[in-house]
N, C-alpha and C. Protein backbone atom coordinates (compact mmCIF):
# COMPACT_ATOMS: atom_id res chain seq x y z
N MET A 1 100.50 105.12 97.68
CA MET A 1 100.06 104.81 96.38
C MET A 1 101.71 104.35 95.57
N VAL A 2 101.76 104.04 94.57
CA VAL A 2 102.92 103.50 93.40
C VAL A 2 102.56 104.48 92.15
N VAL A 3 103.31 105.16 91.49
CA VAL A 3 103.07 105.65 90.72
C VAL A 3 104.34 105.46 89.45
N GLN A 4 103.97 104.72 87.77
CA GLN A 4 104.82 104.48 87.04
C GLN A 4 104.36 105.18 85.86
N ARG A 5 105.58 105.75 85.65
CA ARG A 5 105.82 106.35 84.26
C ARG A 5 105.81 105.35 82.61
N VAL A 6 104.76 105.23 82.17
CA VAL A 6 104.75 104.43 80.97
C VAL A 6 104.62 104.79 79.54
N SER A 7 104.99 104.17 78.74
CA SER A 7 104.59 103.98 77.44
C SER A 7 103.25 103.96 76.81
N SER A 8 102.52 102.54 77.25
CA SER A 8 101.39 102.80 77.28
C SER A 8 101.21 101.31 79.03
N ALA A 9 99.87 101.29 78.83
CA ALA A 9 99.52 100.29 79.77
C ALA A 9 97.68 99.99 79.28
N SER A 10 97.98 98.52 79.94
CA SER A 10 96.13 98.24 79.94
C SER A 10 95.52 97.09 81.30
N VAL A 11 94.33 97.23 81.77
CA VAL A 11 93.98 96.61 82.34
C VAL A 11 92.81 95.43 81.77
N ILE A 12 93.06 93.96 81.75
CA ILE A 12 92.33 93.14 81.74
C ILE A 12 91.96 91.77 82.72
N VAL A 13 90.67 91.66 82.41
CA VAL A 13 89.15 91.39 83.31
C VAL A 13 88.96 90.08 82.34
N ASP A 14 88.58 89.45 83.20
CA ASP A 14 88.20 87.70 82.67
C ASP A 14 88.39 87.73 80.65
N GLU A 15 89.94 88.33 80.71
CA GLU A 15 90.57 87.90 78.89
C GLU A 15 89.51 89.29 78.15
N LYS A 16 89.54 89.99 78.72
CA LYS A 16 88.67 91.20 78.11
C LYS A 16 90.13 92.54 78.48
N ILE A 17 90.16 93.46 77.74
CA ILE A 17 90.84 94.75 77.75
C ILE A 17 89.59 95.22 78.59
N ILE A 18 89.63 95.65 79.61
CA ILE A 18 88.70 96.96 80.11
C ILE A 18 88.94 98.37 80.14
N SER A 19 90.16 98.79 80.01
CA SER A 19 91.01 100.07 79.82
C SER A 19 92.52 99.81 79.43
N SER A 20 92.64 100.79 78.79
CA SER A 20 94.12 101.31 78.26
C SER A 20 94.35 102.44 78.26
N ILE A 21 96.24 102.64 78.30
CA ILE A 21 96.08 104.10 77.89
C ILE A 21 97.95 104.10 76.87
N GLY A 22 98.03 105.72 76.63
CA GLY A 22 99.13 105.30 75.89
C GLY A 22 100.07 105.95 77.12
N VAL A 23 101.01 106.75 76.34
CA VAL A 23 101.91 107.52 77.18
C VAL A 23 101.45 108.69 78.60
N GLY A 24 101.94 107.97 80.05
CA GLY A 24 101.34 108.54 81.24
C GLY A 24 101.99 108.16 82.17
N LEU A 25 101.39 107.90 83.12
CA LEU A 25 100.69 107.17 84.38
C LEU A 25 99.83 105.97 84.83
N VAL A 26 100.19 104.99 84.93
CA VAL A 26 99.45 103.87 85.70
C VAL A 26 99.68 104.19 87.63
N VAL A 27 99.00 104.39 88.08
CA VAL A 27 98.42 104.63 89.09
C VAL A 27 97.97 103.66 90.11
N PHE A 28 99.00 102.49 90.93
CA PHE A 28 98.43 102.19 92.25
C PHE A 28 97.75 102.15 93.38
N ILE A 29 96.73 102.30 93.50
CA ILE A 29 96.26 102.84 95.01
C ILE A 29 95.70 102.04 95.65
N GLY A 30 96.30 102.51 96.73
CA GLY A 30 95.81 101.57 98.49
C GLY A 30 95.84 101.99 99.47
N ILE A 31 93.88 102.58 99.53
CA ILE A 31 93.15 102.92 100.65
C ILE A 31 93.37 101.81 102.09
N PHE A 32 94.47 102.91 102.63
CA PHE A 32 94.60 102.60 103.89
C PHE A 32 93.25 102.79 104.95
N ARG A 33 92.89 102.18 105.94
CA ARG A 33 92.05 102.32 106.97
C ARG A 33 92.49 103.99 108.09
N GLY A 34 91.37 104.71 107.33
CA GLY A 34 91.63 105.69 108.44
C GLY A 34 92.06 106.48 107.59
N ASP A 35 92.63 106.53 105.93
CA ASP A 35 92.62 107.28 104.66
C ASP A 35 91.28 108.47 105.02
N HIS A 36 91.49 109.55 104.28
CA HIS A 36 90.46 110.73 104.53
C HIS A 36 90.68 111.75 103.13
N LYS A 37 89.40 112.32 102.88
CA LYS A 37 89.94 113.15 101.44
C LYS A 37 90.74 113.81 101.48
N LYS A 38 91.18 114.67 102.18
CA LYS A 38 92.49 115.35 102.47
C LYS A 38 93.60 114.77 101.79
N ASP A 39 93.69 113.15 102.22
CA ASP A 39 94.64 112.72 101.98
C ASP A 39 94.55 112.42 100.50
N LEU A 40 93.46 112.05 99.44
CA LEU A 40 93.43 111.92 98.61
C LEU A 40 93.50 113.32 97.78
N ASP A 41 93.53 114.75 98.27
CA ASP A 41 93.36 115.75 97.87
C ASP A 41 95.16 116.24 97.26
N LEU A 42 95.96 115.80 98.68
CA LEU A 42 97.12 115.98 98.60
C LEU A 42 97.87 114.65 97.18
N LEU A 43 97.33 114.05 97.25
CA LEU A 43 97.49 112.81 96.45
C LEU A 43 97.46 113.46 94.76
N VAL A 44 96.42 113.91 95.01
CA VAL A 44 95.93 114.14 93.37
C VAL A 44 96.76 114.94 93.16
N GLN A 45 97.20 116.43 93.72
CA GLN A 45 98.31 117.01 93.64
C GLN A 45 99.36 116.78 93.32
N LYS A 46 99.59 115.85 93.94
CA LYS A 46 101.67 115.21 93.72
C LYS A 46 101.25 114.40 92.72
N THR A 47 100.33 113.80 92.44
CA THR A 47 100.50 112.90 90.91
C THR A 47 100.77 113.89 90.11
N VAL A 48 99.59 115.13 89.55
CA VAL A 48 99.49 115.93 88.81
C VAL A 48 101.11 117.01 88.70
N GLY A 49 101.08 116.96 89.55
CA GLY A 49 102.68 117.78 89.71
C GLY A 49 103.93 116.77 89.51
N LEU A 50 104.03 115.31 89.71
CA LEU A 50 105.44 115.11 89.30
C LEU A 50 105.53 114.73 88.04
N ARG A 51 107.05 116.05 88.36
CA ARG A 51 107.52 116.82 87.39
C ARG A 51 108.71 115.13 86.96
N ILE A 52 108.39 113.71 86.00
CA ILE A 52 109.33 112.95 85.64
C ILE A 52 108.97 112.46 84.38
N PHE A 53 108.25 113.44 83.81
CA PHE A 53 108.47 113.06 82.52
C PHE A 53 109.95 114.12 81.65
N ASN A 54 110.50 113.56 80.50
CA ASN A 54 111.28 113.98 80.17
C ASN A 54 111.18 115.41 78.61
N ASP A 55 111.74 115.82 79.20
CA ASP A 55 111.94 117.74 78.10
C ASP A 55 112.82 116.99 77.20
N LYS A 56 112.98 118.34 76.08
CA LYS A 56 113.83 118.17 75.05
C LYS A 56 115.12 117.88 75.26
N ALA A 57 115.46 118.16 76.24
CA ALA A 57 116.82 117.79 76.50
C ALA A 57 117.26 116.66 77.66
N GLY A 58 116.15 115.95 77.41
CA GLY A 58 116.12 114.68 78.35
C GLY A 58 116.22 114.55 79.94
N LYS A 59 116.21 115.76 80.78
CA LYS A 59 115.66 115.92 81.70
C LYS A 59 114.50 115.68 82.11
N MET A 60 114.15 114.99 83.21
CA MET A 60 112.90 114.90 84.04
C MET A 60 112.52 116.01 84.92
N ASN A 61 111.40 116.50 83.84
CA ASN A 61 111.29 118.23 84.23
C ASN A 61 109.84 118.73 83.41
N LEU A 62 109.04 117.62 83.32
CA LEU A 62 107.69 117.82 82.66
C LEU A 62 106.85 116.80 83.62
N SER A 63 105.50 117.76 84.20
CA SER A 63 104.41 116.60 84.19
C SER A 63 103.53 115.95 83.46
N ILE A 64 102.51 115.31 84.31
CA ILE A 64 101.66 114.58 83.12
C ILE A 64 100.74 115.56 82.52
N LYS A 65 100.28 116.85 83.01
CA LYS A 65 99.91 118.04 82.30
C LYS A 65 100.38 118.85 81.48
N GLU A 66 101.79 118.47 81.93
CA GLU A 66 102.29 119.27 80.51
C GLU A 66 102.78 118.63 79.32
N ILE A 67 102.75 117.02 79.52
CA ILE A 67 102.76 116.23 78.25
C ILE A 67 101.68 115.94 77.41
N LYS A 68 100.41 116.71 78.09
CA LYS A 68 98.97 115.91 78.24
C LYS A 68 99.00 114.08 78.02
N GLY A 69 99.58 113.68 79.28
CA GLY A 69 99.32 111.67 79.31
C GLY A 69 97.92 111.38 79.98
N GLU A 70 98.30 110.21 79.96
CA GLU A 70 97.03 109.80 80.59
C GLU A 70 96.89 108.71 81.99
N ALA A 71 96.35 108.79 82.44
CA ALA A 71 96.52 108.27 83.44
C ALA A 71 95.54 106.83 83.77
N LEU A 72 95.92 105.85 84.52
CA LEU A 72 95.45 104.50 84.24
C LEU A 72 95.82 104.17 85.88
N VAL A 73 94.42 104.40 86.95
CA VAL A 73 94.31 103.81 87.98
C VAL A 73 93.69 102.73 88.65
N VAL A 74 94.46 102.00 88.76
CA VAL A 74 94.25 100.62 89.31
C VAL A 74 94.11 100.55 91.20
N SER A 75 92.78 99.98 91.67
CA SER A 75 92.41 100.01 92.97
C SER A 75 93.71 98.49 93.18
N GLN A 76 94.59 98.92 94.78
CA GLN A 76 95.53 97.50 94.97
C GLN A 76 95.64 97.43 96.56
N PHE A 77 94.60 96.81 97.19
CA PHE A 77 94.33 96.85 98.11
C PHE A 77 95.40 96.13 98.83
N THR A 78 96.52 95.38 98.18
CA THR A 78 98.09 94.70 98.85
C THR A 78 98.76 95.76 99.04
N LEU A 79 98.83 96.83 98.42
CA LEU A 79 100.12 97.78 98.96
C LEU A 79 99.46 98.01 100.75
N CYS A 80 98.31 97.60 101.16
CA CYS A 80 98.40 97.75 102.40
C CYS A 80 98.81 96.59 103.59
N ALA A 81 99.46 95.82 102.80
CA ALA A 81 99.53 94.71 103.26
C ALA A 81 100.56 94.81 104.10
N ASP A 82 100.46 94.37 105.84
CA ASP A 82 101.57 94.26 106.69
C ASP A 82 102.11 93.21 106.59
N THR A 83 103.73 92.84 106.67
CA THR A 83 104.09 91.95 106.40
C THR A 83 105.21 91.87 107.94
N THR A 84 105.13 92.99 108.87
CA THR A 84 106.34 92.83 109.59
C THR A 84 106.37 91.54 110.72
N ARG A 85 105.04 90.67 110.36
CA ARG A 85 104.94 89.13 111.13
C ARG A 85 104.72 88.10 110.32
N GLY A 86 105.74 87.48 110.92
CA GLY A 86 105.52 86.04 109.63
C GLY A 86 105.68 86.01 107.92
N ASN A 87 105.41 84.92 107.02
CA ASN A 87 105.57 85.47 106.28
C ASN A 87 104.28 85.41 104.85
N ARG A 88 102.96 85.34 106.12
CA ARG A 88 101.79 85.79 105.17
C ARG A 88 101.19 86.82 105.49
N PRO A 89 101.12 87.82 104.72
CA PRO A 89 100.73 89.79 104.37
C PRO A 89 99.28 89.39 105.50
N SER A 90 98.94 90.35 105.87
CA SER A 90 98.24 91.09 106.46
C SER A 90 97.89 91.87 106.39
N PHE A 91 95.92 92.09 105.52
CA PHE A 91 95.33 93.00 105.50
C PHE A 91 94.64 94.19 106.07
N ILE A 92 94.93 93.87 107.21
CA ILE A 92 93.94 94.64 108.61
C ILE A 92 93.97 96.41 108.40
N ASN A 93 95.54 96.45 107.86
CA ASN A 93 95.34 97.99 107.54
C ASN A 93 94.39 99.07 106.36
N SER A 94 94.07 97.45 105.68
CA SER A 94 93.04 97.94 104.42
C SER A 94 91.90 98.93 104.72
N GLU A 95 91.06 99.98 103.89
CA GLU A 95 89.73 100.14 104.37
C GLU A 95 88.74 99.23 104.25
N ASN A 96 87.59 99.52 104.60
CA ASN A 96 86.65 98.76 104.14
C ASN A 96 86.56 98.59 102.90
N ALA A 97 85.82 97.76 102.12
CA ALA A 97 85.35 98.12 100.58
C ALA A 97 84.77 99.21 99.80
N ASN A 98 83.88 99.22 100.67
CA ASN A 98 82.62 100.29 100.18
C ASN A 98 83.07 101.36 100.34
N LYS A 99 83.82 101.77 101.32
CA LYS A 99 84.86 103.31 101.93
C LYS A 99 85.98 103.49 100.92
N ALA A 100 86.35 102.07 100.60
CA ALA A 100 87.44 101.99 99.63
C ALA A 100 87.49 102.42 98.56
N GLU A 101 86.05 101.73 98.19
CA GLU A 101 85.97 102.03 96.51
C GLU A 101 85.41 103.33 95.90
N TYR A 102 84.73 104.19 96.85
CA TYR A 102 84.03 104.83 97.60
C TYR A 102 85.69 106.66 97.16
N LEU A 103 86.44 106.37 98.27
CA LEU A 103 87.76 107.17 97.98
C LEU A 103 88.67 106.98 96.74
N TYR A 104 88.53 105.80 96.01
CA TYR A 104 89.33 105.33 94.99
C TYR A 104 88.39 106.18 93.98
N ASP A 105 87.12 106.01 93.97
CA ASP A 105 86.42 106.96 92.94
C ASP A 105 86.51 108.22 92.32
N GLN A 106 86.61 109.13 94.24
CA GLN A 106 86.96 110.71 94.50
C GLN A 106 88.21 110.81 93.66
N TYR A 107 89.16 109.86 94.32
CA TYR A 107 90.73 110.12 93.35
C TYR A 107 90.65 110.19 91.96
N CYS A 108 89.91 108.82 91.31
CA CYS A 108 89.92 109.39 90.23
C CYS A 108 89.32 110.44 89.43
N LYS A 109 88.03 110.88 90.56
CA LYS A 109 87.24 112.46 89.85
C LYS A 109 87.53 113.53 89.80
N ASN A 110 88.62 113.18 91.17
CA ASN A 110 89.50 114.67 91.13
C ASN A 110 90.71 114.78 90.14
N LEU A 111 91.42 113.79 90.06
CA LEU A 111 92.13 113.84 88.71
C LEU A 111 91.74 114.21 87.40
N GLU A 112 90.42 113.13 87.41
CA GLU A 112 89.67 114.33 86.29
C GLU A 112 89.50 116.06 85.68
N ASN A 113 89.02 115.97 87.19
CA ASN A 113 88.76 117.92 87.07
C ASN A 113 90.20 118.08 87.49
N GLU A 114 91.28 117.99 87.34
CA GLU A 114 92.42 118.73 86.61
C GLU A 114 92.84 118.56 85.51
N GLY A 115 91.79 117.83 85.04
CA GLY A 115 92.36 117.71 83.69
C GLY A 115 92.48 116.58 82.97
N LEU A 116 93.04 115.66 83.88
CA LEU A 116 93.62 114.26 83.38
C LEU A 116 92.98 113.34 82.38
N SER A 117 92.95 112.87 81.40
CA SER A 117 92.13 111.61 81.40
C SER A 117 92.75 110.48 81.81
N VAL A 118 90.98 109.98 82.47
CA VAL A 118 91.38 109.26 83.45
C VAL A 118 90.74 107.76 83.02
N SER A 119 91.37 106.52 83.20
CA SER A 119 91.03 105.10 82.83
C SER A 119 91.32 104.43 84.03
N ARG A 120 90.40 103.63 84.13
CA ARG A 120 90.63 102.66 85.40
C ARG A 120 90.53 101.38 85.32
N GLY A 121 91.16 100.49 86.68
CA GLY A 121 90.78 99.29 86.60
C GLY A 121 89.65 99.19 86.85
N GLN A 122 89.15 97.84 87.42
CA GLN A 122 87.88 97.05 87.89
C GLN A 122 88.15 97.13 89.46
N PHE A 123 87.08 97.66 90.30
CA PHE A 123 87.35 97.76 91.92
C PHE A 123 87.21 96.13 92.55
N GLY A 124 88.33 95.75 92.80
CA GLY A 124 87.50 94.13 93.44
C GLY A 124 88.20 93.29 92.63
N ALA A 125 88.45 93.02 91.50
CA ALA A 125 88.52 92.30 90.53
C ALA A 125 90.08 91.83 90.39
N ASN A 126 90.00 90.69 90.38
CA ASN A 126 90.92 89.76 89.77
C ASN A 126 91.64 90.50 88.10
N MET A 127 92.48 91.79 88.11
CA MET A 127 92.97 91.63 87.19
C MET A 127 94.34 91.47 86.34
N ARG A 128 94.61 91.52 85.41
CA ARG A 128 96.09 91.44 84.79
C ARG A 128 96.40 93.38 84.33
N VAL A 129 97.51 93.61 84.78
CA VAL A 129 97.90 94.98 84.19
C VAL A 129 99.25 94.72 83.90
N LYS A 130 98.79 95.38 82.21
CA LYS A 130 100.00 95.10 81.54
C LYS A 130 100.79 96.22 81.48
N ILE A 131 102.26 96.39 81.23
CA ILE A 131 102.55 98.05 81.87
C ILE A 131 103.79 98.05 80.98
N GLN A 132 104.19 98.98 80.14
CA GLN A 132 105.67 99.35 79.29
C GLN A 132 106.00 100.44 80.21
N ASN A 133 106.72 100.41 81.30
CA ASN A 133 107.23 100.92 81.91
C ASN A 133 108.24 101.43 81.22
N GLU A 134 108.21 103.39 81.60
CA GLU A 134 109.34 103.66 80.41
C GLU A 134 110.50 104.43 81.62
N GLY A 135 111.87 103.94 81.29
CA GLY A 135 112.72 104.38 82.46
C GLY A 135 113.71 103.26 82.88
N PRO A 136 113.21 102.44 83.32
CA PRO A 136 111.54 102.69 84.44
C PRO A 136 112.04 103.93 85.50
N VAL A 137 110.64 104.11 85.66
CA VAL A 137 110.45 105.03 86.70
C VAL A 137 109.39 104.70 87.79
N THR A 138 109.78 104.55 89.25
CA THR A 138 108.61 104.28 89.66
C THR A 138 108.59 105.22 91.00
N ILE A 139 107.48 105.70 91.33
CA ILE A 139 107.88 106.68 92.90
C ILE A 139 106.64 106.19 93.87
N ILE A 140 106.93 106.03 95.18
CA ILE A 140 105.73 105.79 96.24
C ILE A 140 105.58 107.08 96.70
N LEU A 141 104.31 106.98 96.37
CA LEU A 141 103.40 108.66 97.10
C LEU A 141 102.83 107.93 98.74
N ASP A 142 103.83 108.98 99.71
CA ASP A 142 103.01 108.09 100.76
C ASP A 142 102.34 109.46 101.74
N THR A 143 101.56 109.57 102.11
CA THR A 143 101.18 111.00 102.67
C THR A 143 101.32 111.13 104.14
N LYS A 144 101.40 109.69 104.49
CA LYS A 144 102.38 110.16 105.68
C LYS A 144 103.80 110.81 106.17
N LEU A 145 104.70 111.15 104.79
CA LEU A 145 105.51 110.93 104.93
C LEU A 145 105.56 112.97 104.57
N PHE A 146 104.09 113.04 104.05
CA PHE A 146 103.66 114.90 104.12
C PHE A 146 103.49 115.31 104.91
N TYR A 147 103.23 114.74 105.95
CA TYR A 147 102.84 115.46 107.62
C TYR A 147 103.41 115.90 108.21
N ASN A 148 104.47 115.12 107.87
CA ASN A 148 105.70 115.15 109.52
C ASN A 148 105.98 116.63 108.53
């Protein structure tokens, strides 16, 4: 998962803006084969707890909840790409579409249950994502690293 701190962002499908946010986070989430609900629960806690917004002293010390920011969550199976062989990415590590969409929806609902305002991309669609990255601040969250 890739999290970016933004001052604004939007998702466009078929030349229409389908969702947009102001200050907050854009979350690109790739669901890998074998990902489970416990992985999502951990990612939700990390997402809402990341202290990557500036406090009054200009130090990254506040979470999205503390600034009352918004989240824009975009499913991105290409994050699951395997590029170890050749130049053409393999997506064999990505979860099947039905399970991936279910877990994507669960992640979004869990963020909402944490009190965040959540906007979404369109699962499986070809999207244009416009991001005004702030900082820039981009964080990679990988559950495999949390379990070691």
